[in-house]
Amino acid sequence: MSRQFQDARNQLIDTLRSKGIVNEDVLHAMQQVPRERFISGPFKQRAYEDVALPIDKHQTISQPYTVARMTELLEPKPGDAILEILNCIILQEHY
């Protein structure tokens, strides 16, 4: 875990808790994902804000709350693997 972003990660977890995320396994997983590795340029410093941010190829990395809530609703068990596949793009194209 990058020391540079550790305080921001902790603050994000506090934000997710304040918005109602209660599953500690989900919160732990969210704290372990190095969002800054997926974001480049001037947005890298905003990696742990609770907002969607642009990434390559005109896509966005999802808002952390959205990811945490979707994951929490799945009620994952230890050993489960979760893969998010283009759900936002499909939703946008549907409407």
C-alpha atoms as a PDB file:
ATOM      1  CA  MET A   1       0.000   0.000   0.000  1.00  0.00           C
ATOM      2  CA  SER A   2       1.460   3.346  -1.025  1.00  0.00           C
ATOM      3  CA  ARG A   3       2.206   5.581   1.967  1.00  0.00           C
ATOM      4  CA  GLN A   4       1.421   8.604  -0.195  1.00  0.00           C
ATOM      5  CA  PHE A   5      -2.234   7.616  -0.419  1.00  0.00           C
ATOM      6  CA  GLN A   6      -2.735   5.865   2.933  1.00  0.00           C
ATOM      7  CA  ASP A   7      -4.495   8.791   4.662  1.00  0.00           C
ATOM      8  CA  ALA A   8      -6.757   9.291   1.651  1.00  0.00           C
ATOM      9  CA  ARG A   9      -7.656   5.579   1.671  1.00  0.00           C
ATOM     10  CA  ASN A  10      -8.557   5.756   5.355  1.00  0.00           C
ATOM     11  CA  GLN A  11     -10.685   8.834   4.757  1.00  0.00           C
ATOM     12  CA  LEU A  12     -12.496   7.085   1.895  1.00  0.00           C
ATOM     13  CA  ILE A  13     -13.330   4.155   4.170  1.00  0.00           C
ATOM     14  CA  ASP A  14     -14.727   6.585   6.744  1.00  0.00           C
ATOM     15  CA  THR A  15     -16.803   8.192   3.985  1.00  0.00           C
ATOM     16  CA  LEU A  16     -18.156   4.813   2.856  1.00  0.00           C
ATOM     17  CA  ARG A  17     -19.095   3.956   6.440  1.00  0.00           C
ATOM     18  CA  SER A  18     -20.881   7.294   6.820  1.00  0.00           C
ATOM     19  CA  LYS A  19     -22.884   6.491   3.674  1.00  0.00           C
ATOM     20  CA  GLY A  20     -24.065   3.184   5.111  1.00  0.00           C
ATOM     21  CA  ILE A  21     -21.548   0.558   4.000  1.00  0.00           C
ATOM     22  CA  VAL A  22     -21.324  -1.837   6.950  1.00  0.00           C
ATOM     23  CA  ASN A  23     -19.738  -5.028   5.609  1.00  0.00           C
ATOM     24  CA  GLU A  24     -16.209  -4.987   7.074  1.00  0.00           C
ATOM     25  CA  ASP A  25     -14.912  -7.431   4.452  1.00  0.00           C
ATOM     26  CA  VAL A  26     -16.079  -5.098   1.684  1.00  0.00           C
ATOM     27  CA  LEU A  27     -14.527  -2.105   3.436  1.00  0.00           C
ATOM     28  CA  HIS A  28     -11.269  -3.998   3.909  1.00  0.00           C
ATOM     29  CA  ALA A  29     -11.188  -4.947   0.225  1.00  0.00           C
ATOM     30  CA  MET A  30     -11.915  -1.350  -0.791  1.00  0.00           C
ATOM     31  CA  GLN A  31      -9.020  -0.187   1.365  1.00  0.00           C
ATOM     32  CA  GLN A  32      -6.641  -2.675  -0.265  1.00  0.00           C
ATOM     33  CA  VAL A  33      -7.338  -1.740  -3.901  1.00  0.00           C
ATOM     34  CA  PRO A  34      -4.704   0.752  -5.125  1.00  0.00           C
ATOM     35  CA  ARG A  35      -7.037   3.025  -7.136  1.00  0.00           C
ATOM     36  CA  GLU A  36      -4.133   5.348  -7.928  1.00  0.00           C
ATOM     37  CA  ARG A  37      -2.641   2.657 -10.176  1.00  0.00           C
ATOM     38  CA  PHE A  38      -5.640   2.840 -12.504  1.00  0.00           C
ATOM     39  CA  ILE A  39      -5.721   6.632 -12.771  1.00  0.00           C
ATOM     40  CA  SER A  40      -3.199   8.769 -14.572  1.00  0.00           C
ATOM     41  CA  GLY A  41      -2.346  12.399 -15.022  1.00  0.00           C
ATOM     42  CA  PRO A  42      -3.900  15.152 -12.940  1.00  0.00           C
ATOM     43  CA  PHE A  43      -6.658  12.884 -11.607  1.00  0.00           C
ATOM     44  CA  LYS A  44      -4.249  10.545  -9.785  1.00  0.00           C
ATOM     45  CA  GLN A  45      -4.264  12.797  -6.705  1.00  0.00           C
ATOM     46  CA  ARG A  46      -8.067  12.453  -6.592  1.00  0.00           C
ATOM     47  CA  ALA A  47      -7.973   8.628  -6.597  1.00  0.00           C
ATOM     48  CA  TYR A  48      -9.656   8.309  -3.196  1.00  0.00           C
ATOM     49  CA  GLU A  49     -12.400  10.867  -3.605  1.00  0.00           C
ATOM     50  CA  ASP A  50     -15.827   9.273  -3.688  1.00  0.00           C
ATOM     51  CA  VAL A  51     -16.385  10.125  -7.346  1.00  0.00           C
ATOM     52  CA  ALA A  52     -16.015   8.397 -10.703  1.00  0.00           C
ATOM     53  CA  LEU A  53     -12.803   9.466 -12.444  1.00  0.00           C
ATOM     54  CA  PRO A  54     -11.632   9.258 -16.051  1.00  0.00           C
ATOM     55  CA  ILE A  55      -9.258   6.492 -17.078  1.00  0.00           C
ATOM     56  CA  ASP A  56      -7.934   5.422 -20.474  1.00  0.00           C
ATOM     57  CA  LYS A  57     -10.011   5.025 -23.639  1.00  0.00           C
ATOM     58  CA  HIS A  58     -12.755   7.479 -22.597  1.00  0.00           C
ATOM     59  CA  GLN A  59     -13.872   5.237 -19.714  1.00  0.00           C
ATOM     60  CA  THR A  60     -14.257   5.956 -16.015  1.00  0.00           C
ATOM     61  CA  ILE A  61     -13.348   4.116 -12.846  1.00  0.00           C
ATOM     62  CA  SER A  62     -16.552   3.793 -10.844  1.00  0.00           C
ATOM     63  CA  GLN A  63     -17.399   5.824  -7.764  1.00  0.00           C
ATOM     64  CA  PRO A  64     -16.140   3.882  -4.724  1.00  0.00           C
ATOM     65  CA  TYR A  65     -19.537   4.015  -2.989  1.00  0.00           C
ATOM     66  CA  THR A  66     -21.195   2.450  -6.024  1.00  0.00           C
ATOM     67  CA  VAL A  67     -18.653  -0.376  -6.117  1.00  0.00           C
ATOM     68  CA  ALA A  68     -18.882  -0.946  -2.357  1.00  0.00           C
ATOM     69  CA  ARG A  69     -22.694  -0.990  -2.375  1.00  0.00           C
ATOM     70  CA  MET A  70     -22.933  -3.365  -5.352  1.00  0.00           C
ATOM     71  CA  THR A  71     -20.392  -5.667  -3.716  1.00  0.00           C
ATOM     72  CA  GLU A  72     -22.145  -5.527  -0.353  1.00  0.00           C
ATOM     73  CA  LEU A  73     -25.457  -6.465  -1.998  1.00  0.00           C
ATOM     74  CA  LEU A  74     -23.826  -9.580  -3.470  1.00  0.00           C
ATOM     75  CA  GLU A  75     -23.115 -10.795   0.081  1.00  0.00           C
ATOM     76  CA  PRO A  76     -19.746 -12.308  -0.895  1.00  0.00           C
ATOM     77  CA  LYS A  77     -18.298 -15.129   1.177  1.00  0.00           C
ATOM     78  CA  PRO A  78     -14.586 -15.807   1.798  1.00  0.00           C
ATOM     79  CA  GLY A  79     -13.071 -17.269  -1.351  1.00  0.00           C
ATOM     80  CA  ASP A  80     -15.604 -15.689  -3.715  1.00  0.00           C
ATOM     81  CA  ALA A  81     -14.256 -13.795  -6.716  1.00  0.00           C
ATOM     82  CA  ILE A  82     -16.165 -10.814  -8.090  1.00  0.00           C
ATOM     83  CA  LEU A  83     -15.605  -9.414 -11.560  1.00  0.00           C
ATOM     84  CA  GLU A  84     -17.281  -6.205 -12.713  1.00  0.00           C
ATOM     85  CA  ILE A  85     -17.671  -6.226 -16.491  1.00  0.00           C
ATOM     86  CA  LEU A  86     -18.676  -3.051 -18.301  1.00  0.00           C
ATOM     87  CA  ASN A  87     -21.853  -2.609 -16.299  1.00  0.00           C
ATOM     88  CA  CYS A  88     -21.904   1.176 -16.692  1.00  0.00           C
ATOM     89  CA  ILE A  89     -21.321   1.061 -20.441  1.00  0.00           C
ATOM     90  CA  ILE A  90     -24.090  -1.482 -20.930  1.00  0.00           C
ATOM     91  CA  LEU A  91     -26.485   0.566 -18.794  1.00  0.00           C
ATOM     92  CA  GLN A  92     -25.682   3.745 -20.724  1.00  0.00           C
ATOM     93  CA  GLU A  93     -26.196   2.014 -24.064  1.00  0.00           C
ATOM     94  CA  HIS A  94     -29.473   0.524 -22.872  1.00  0.00           C
ATOM     95  CA  TYR A  95     -31.009   3.950 -22.246  1.00  0.00           C
END
